[in-house]
Amino acid sequence: MRIANLAGRLVLITPDGAVDVHKASDGRFSSDPQAVYDRWEEFRAWAGGTDHGGAVPFDPADLGAPAPAPRQLLAVGLNYREHVSEAGYTVPEGMPPVFTKFVSSLTGPVTEVKLPAGGHTDWEVELVVVIGRAARGVPETEAWDHVAGLTVGQDLSERILQFEGPAPQFSLGKSYPGFGPTGPWLVTPDEFDDPDDLELTCAVGGEELQRDRTRHLIFSVPALIARLSGVLPLLPGDVLFTGTPSGVGLGRSPQRWLADGDELVSSIEGIGELRQRFTRS
């Protein structure tokens, strides 16, 4: 199953287009894309047990973030070995580095992003998880039962601010407007042959800069949910960025940053792609 945020309304994505959930359910479910996660099991039973007609074509530019207003947005760093190496760190043990992107940075899959003046803005393609059932102290073997679905994310990062001052400013440096594109939709885990092994890629101006598979995550999706839920409750609709593979601009020699006019395309197999265009004006 695929669900999406189409112009602020919850829709099911079918081969024929988008089905408005509020209308198709005769008002049983809200049109608010975020509200569905609090009733996820009920919604899944309804969506899977009905032949939904009335699909209409749509413009991908009208899609928003699949989970646009999570109560918690957690992001993981240093979660692929080659990225750990290019960043000059050691492989984390026990618990990976965790920070947040402020929720106001979340956007949909096709956007224009204004580059901060005088900055060094970098790309980081990531698999993003949305929680569908509250998780507290969940073992790895049960973690996928708490996942609503997967989507594509970009952890855009302003490196100057990120490392400015006596202590790093990870959350601020990664939370400019438009710095959290996600989408194009949420795909439930049962849609994948193996949700723990998906290819993700990132290209700028048609030049591929990142390619890896999520089986190479140091902390897999189940491991992340187990470790994080051992510290704090993960709530329905929470968003988890799982980390980026090697190939970011910061780790290149010479270093490379997004520039005015660049188009960034990020994709994950079985889900879809994001497209961001960058401007200084």
Protein backbone atom coordinates (compact mmCIF):
# COMPACT_ATOMS: atom_id res chain seq x y z
CA MET A 1 0.00 0.00 0.00
CA ARG A 2 1.07 3.53 -0.79
CA ILE A 3 -0.31 6.62 0.89
CA ALA A 4 0.55 10.24 0.21
CA ASN A 5 -0.09 13.83 1.15
CA LEU A 6 -1.66 15.46 -1.91
CA ALA A 7 -2.09 19.20 -1.48
CA GLY A 8 -2.59 18.67 2.25
CA ARG A 9 -5.05 15.76 1.95
CA LEU A 10 -4.49 12.08 2.70
CA VAL A 11 -4.70 9.91 -0.41
CA LEU A 12 -4.16 6.31 -1.44
CA ILE A 13 -1.88 5.92 -4.45
CA THR A 14 -3.13 3.38 -7.00
CA PRO A 15 -2.03 2.54 -10.55
CA ASP A 16 -4.81 4.83 -11.75
CA GLY A 17 -3.90 7.83 -9.60
CA ALA A 18 -4.84 9.18 -6.17
CA VAL A 19 -7.93 8.27 -4.11
CA ASP A 20 -9.05 10.84 -1.54
CA VAL A 21 -9.30 8.88 1.74
CA HIS A 22 -11.78 11.18 3.51
CA LYS A 23 -14.20 10.99 0.60
CA ALA A 24 -13.70 7.28 -0.11
CA SER A 25 -14.26 6.41 3.57
CA ASP A 26 -17.39 8.58 3.81
CA GLY A 27 -15.67 10.68 6.45
CA ARG A 28 -14.48 7.78 8.60
CA PHE A 29 -10.88 8.96 8.28
CA SER A 30 -9.66 12.53 8.40
CA SER A 31 -8.23 14.28 5.37
CA ASP A 32 -5.22 15.25 7.54
CA PRO A 33 -2.22 13.14 6.39
CA GLN A 34 -0.66 13.14 9.87
CA ALA A 35 -3.80 12.01 11.71
CA VAL A 36 -3.90 8.59 10.02
CA TYR A 37 -0.94 7.26 12.03
CA ASP A 38 -2.88 7.40 15.30
CA ARG A 39 -5.40 5.00 13.73
CA TRP A 40 -2.94 3.07 11.60
CA GLU A 41 -4.15 -0.49 12.20
CA GLU A 42 -7.78 0.50 11.67
CA PHE A 43 -6.84 2.40 8.53
CA ARG A 44 -4.82 -0.49 7.10
CA ALA A 45 -7.72 -2.88 7.64
CA TRP A 46 -10.08 -0.49 5.85
CA ALA A 47 -7.69 0.26 3.00
CA GLY A 48 -6.95 -3.41 2.38
CA GLY A 49 -10.55 -4.54 2.51
CA THR A 50 -12.09 -2.14 0.04
CA ASP A 51 -11.93 -1.82 -3.74
CA HIS A 52 -11.25 1.91 -3.98
CA GLY A 53 -12.47 3.64 -7.12
CA GLY A 54 -12.49 7.28 -8.03
CA ALA A 55 -8.74 7.63 -8.57
CA VAL A 56 -7.66 10.83 -10.29
CA PRO A 57 -4.38 11.84 -11.94
CA PHE A 58 -2.15 14.22 -10.00
CA ASP A 59 0.95 16.37 -10.35
CA PRO A 60 3.93 15.16 -8.23
CA ALA A 61 4.68 18.82 -7.51
CA ASP A 62 1.47 18.87 -5.43
CA LEU A 63 2.69 16.13 -3.08
CA GLY A 64 3.71 17.05 0.47
CA ALA A 65 5.59 15.17 3.16
CA PRO A 66 3.89 11.82 3.92
CA ALA A 67 4.18 12.57 7.66
CA PRO A 68 4.20 16.39 7.69
CA ALA A 69 3.83 17.08 11.43
CA PRO A 70 5.44 14.35 13.54
CA ARG A 71 5.66 14.79 17.29
CA GLN A 72 9.26 13.57 17.10
CA LEU A 73 11.72 13.66 14.22
CA LEU A 74 14.87 11.67 14.92
CA ALA A 75 17.90 11.48 12.65
CA VAL A 76 20.86 9.12 12.81
CA GLY A 77 24.45 9.90 11.84
CA LEU A 78 27.41 7.72 10.92
CA ASN A 79 25.35 4.67 9.98
CA TYR A 80 27.29 3.40 6.92
CA ARG A 81 30.91 2.32 7.36
CA GLU A 82 32.27 4.12 4.29
CA HIS A 83 30.53 7.33 5.38
CA VAL A 84 32.08 6.96 8.85
CA SER A 85 35.48 6.70 7.16
CA GLU A 86 35.00 9.71 4.85
CA ALA A 87 33.81 11.79 7.83
CA GLY A 88 36.92 10.89 9.82
CA TYR A 89 35.19 9.17 12.74
CA THR A 90 35.23 5.69 14.24
CA VAL A 91 32.37 3.22 13.89
CA PRO A 92 29.82 3.85 16.68
CA GLU A 93 29.06 1.09 19.16
CA GLY A 94 26.00 0.61 21.32
CA MET A 95 24.11 3.70 20.19
CA PRO A 96 24.60 5.71 16.98
CA PRO A 97 24.76 9.52 17.03
CA VAL A 98 21.19 10.87 17.15
CA PHE A 99 19.98 14.43 16.52
CA THR A 100 16.83 16.08 15.23
CA LYS A 101 15.79 18.04 12.21
CA PHE A 102 13.19 20.57 13.29
CA VAL A 103 9.78 19.72 11.87
CA SER A 104 9.47 23.04 10.02
CA SER A 105 12.19 21.81 7.63
CA LEU A 106 9.94 19.01 6.27
CA THR A 107 8.64 19.37 2.73
CA GLY A 108 7.37 17.22 -0.11
CA PRO A 109 9.29 15.51 -2.89
CA VAL A 110 9.44 18.21 -5.58
CA THR A 111 10.62 21.56 -4.26
CA GLU A 112 12.77 24.62 -4.76
CA VAL A 113 15.20 25.24 -1.90
CA LYS A 114 16.85 28.55 -1.14
CA LEU A 115 20.53 28.14 -0.31
CA PRO A 116 21.69 29.99 2.83
CA ALA A 117 23.92 32.96 1.97
CA GLY A 118 27.61 32.19 2.26
CA GLY A 119 26.99 28.60 3.24
CA HIS A 120 28.19 25.15 2.30
CA THR A 121 25.03 23.11 1.67
CA ASP A 122 25.48 19.36 1.33
CA TRP A 123 23.34 16.39 0.26
CA GLU A 124 22.56 13.19 2.22
CA VAL A 125 20.11 10.70 0.73
CA GLU A 126 18.47 8.54 3.41
CA LEU A 127 15.86 5.87 3.97
CA VAL A 128 13.16 7.38 6.19
CA VAL A 129 10.93 5.35 8.51
CA VAL A 130 7.51 6.44 9.80
CA ILE A 131 6.26 4.79 12.98
CA GLY A 132 2.77 3.27 12.85
CA ARG A 133 2.40 1.80 16.34
CA ALA A 134 3.79 3.14 19.62
CA ALA A 135 7.11 1.51 20.48
CA ARG A 136 8.63 1.35 23.98
CA GLY A 137 11.37 -1.15 24.75
CA VAL A 138 10.70 -3.05 21.53
CA PRO A 139 13.06 -5.97 20.67
CA GLU A 140 14.59 -6.07 17.20
CA THR A 141 12.54 -9.14 16.28
CA GLU A 142 9.31 -7.15 16.68
CA ALA A 143 10.48 -3.79 15.35
CA TRP A 144 9.00 -4.01 11.84
CA ASP A 145 5.55 -4.52 13.42
CA HIS A 146 5.78 -0.91 14.62
CA VAL A 147 6.61 0.59 11.21
CA ALA A 148 3.86 2.19 9.12
CA GLY A 149 6.08 2.51 6.08
CA LEU A 150 9.17 3.78 4.33
CA THR A 151 9.88 6.83 2.23
CA VAL A 152 12.80 8.69 0.65
CA GLY A 153 14.47 11.54 2.52
CA GLN A 154 17.18 14.13 2.05
CA ASP A 155 19.02 15.30 5.16
CA LEU A 156 20.20 18.56 3.57
CA SER A 157 22.95 20.01 5.71
CA GLU A 158 24.49 23.47 6.02
CA ARG A 159 28.01 22.49 7.04
CA ILE A 160 29.32 25.87 8.23
CA LEU A 161 26.55 26.32 10.79
CA GLN A 162 26.57 22.61 11.62
CA PHE A 163 30.14 22.81 12.95
CA GLU A 164 30.14 26.40 14.15
CA GLY A 165 30.83 27.34 17.76
CA PRO A 166 32.22 25.48 20.75
CA ALA A 167 29.86 22.53 20.11
CA PRO A 168 28.36 21.27 16.82
CA GLN A 169 24.96 22.67 15.81
CA PHE A 170 23.70 19.58 13.97
CA SER A 171 20.00 20.27 14.41
CA LEU A 172 20.13 23.93 13.40
CA GLY A 173 22.47 23.27 10.47
CA LYS A 174 20.05 20.68 9.11
CA SER A 175 16.81 22.60 9.60
CA TYR A 176 16.71 25.53 7.21
CA PRO A 177 13.39 25.79 5.33
CA GLY A 178 13.15 22.99 2.79
CA PHE A 179 16.08 21.03 4.26
CA GLY A 180 13.94 17.93 4.97
CA PRO A 181 12.29 16.81 1.73
CA THR A 182 10.53 13.43 2.01
CA GLY A 183 8.31 11.39 -0.27
CA PRO A 184 7.03 10.93 -2.81
CA TRP A 185 4.77 8.67 -0.71
CA LEU A 186 4.87 6.18 2.12
CA VAL A 187 5.21 2.50 1.15
CA THR A 188 4.22 -0.20 3.64
CA PRO A 189 6.90 -2.83 4.45
CA ASP A 190 4.91 -5.69 2.92
CA GLU A 191 5.40 -4.13 -0.52
CA PHE A 192 9.12 -5.03 -0.51
CA ASP A 193 10.75 -8.41 -1.08
CA ASP A 194 13.20 -7.42 1.67
CA PRO A 195 12.67 -4.05 3.40
CA ASP A 196 16.16 -4.38 4.94
CA ASP A 197 17.88 -4.36 1.54
CA LEU A 198 16.97 -1.41 -0.68
CA GLU A 199 19.20 0.50 -3.08
CA LEU A 200 19.46 4.25 -2.60
CA THR A 201 21.09 6.77 -4.94
CA CYS A 202 21.71 10.50 -5.18
CA ALA A 203 22.74 12.60 -8.19
CA VAL A 204 23.43 16.28 -8.81
CA GLY A 205 22.94 17.55 -12.35
CA GLY A 206 22.78 13.97 -13.61
CA GLU A 207 26.11 13.00 -11.97
CA GLU A 208 25.69 10.13 -9.53
CA LEU A 209 27.32 10.95 -6.19
CA GLN A 210 25.87 8.32 -3.82
CA ARG A 211 24.85 4.69 -4.31
CA ASP A 212 24.55 2.00 -1.65
CA ARG A 213 22.13 -0.52 -0.17
CA THR A 214 20.39 -0.37 3.19
CA ARG A 215 21.69 -3.83 4.06
CA HIS A 216 24.96 -2.00 4.74
CA LEU A 217 23.47 0.08 7.55
CA ILE A 218 25.56 -0.36 10.70
CA PHE A 219 22.36 -0.16 12.74
CA SER A 220 19.50 -1.64 10.71
CA VAL A 221 15.96 -0.32 10.92
CA PRO A 222 15.02 -2.94 13.57
CA ALA A 223 18.21 -2.20 15.52
CA LEU A 224 17.50 1.55 15.47
CA ILE A 225 13.91 1.08 16.67
CA ALA A 226 15.07 -1.26 19.44
CA ARG A 227 17.78 1.10 20.67
CA LEU A 228 15.76 4.29 20.40
CA SER A 229 12.61 2.80 21.96
CA GLY A 230 14.76 1.64 24.84
CA VAL A 231 15.38 5.30 25.67
CA LEU A 232 12.17 7.07 24.71
CA PRO A 233 8.75 6.07 23.38
CA LEU A 234 8.42 6.23 19.61
CA LEU A 235 4.98 7.57 18.80
CA PRO A 236 2.66 6.94 15.83
CA GLY A 237 3.65 9.27 13.01
CA ASP A 238 7.18 9.85 14.30
CA VAL A 239 9.79 10.19 11.56
CA LEU A 240 13.22 8.54 11.61
CA PHE A 241 16.02 9.43 9.16
CA THR A 242 18.29 6.37 9.21
CA GLY A 243 21.62 7.79 7.95
CA THR A 244 23.38 8.42 4.67
CA PRO A 245 25.98 6.41 2.73
CA SER A 246 29.33 7.76 1.55
CA GLY A 247 29.63 10.31 -1.23
CA VAL A 248 28.58 13.51 0.53
CA GLY A 249 30.21 16.80 -0.43
CA LEU A 250 31.93 17.20 2.94
CA GLY A 251 33.91 14.00 2.43
CA ARG A 252 35.14 14.80 -1.07
CA SER A 253 38.54 16.16 -2.09
CA PRO A 254 38.10 18.93 -2.99
CA GLN A 255 34.92 19.40 -1.02
CA ARG A 256 31.82 20.13 -3.06
CA TRP A 257 28.62 22.02 -2.24
CA LEU A 258 25.24 22.55 -3.83
CA ALA A 259 25.14 25.63 -6.05
CA ASP A 260 22.58 27.97 -7.57
CA GLY A 261 20.69 26.11 -10.32
CA ASP A 262 21.67 22.60 -9.22
CA GLU A 263 19.06 19.85 -9.39
CA LEU A 264 19.35 17.09 -6.80
CA VAL A 265 17.64 13.76 -7.50
CA SER A 266 17.42 11.20 -4.68
CA SER A 267 15.85 7.76 -5.09
CA ILE A 268 15.23 4.48 -3.31
CA GLU A 269 14.17 1.35 -5.15
CA GLY A 270 10.57 0.37 -4.64
CA ILE A 271 9.64 3.81 -3.35
CA GLY A 272 10.43 6.60 -5.82
CA GLU A 273 12.42 9.81 -6.06
CA LEU A 274 12.81 13.35 -4.77
CA ARG A 275 13.74 16.34 -6.92
CA GLN A 276 15.12 19.55 -5.42
CA ARG A 277 16.26 22.60 -7.34
CA PHE A 278 18.46 25.12 -5.54
CA THR A 279 18.54 28.88 -5.83
CA ARG A 280 20.41 31.76 -4.20
CA SER A 281 17.67 34.27 -4.91
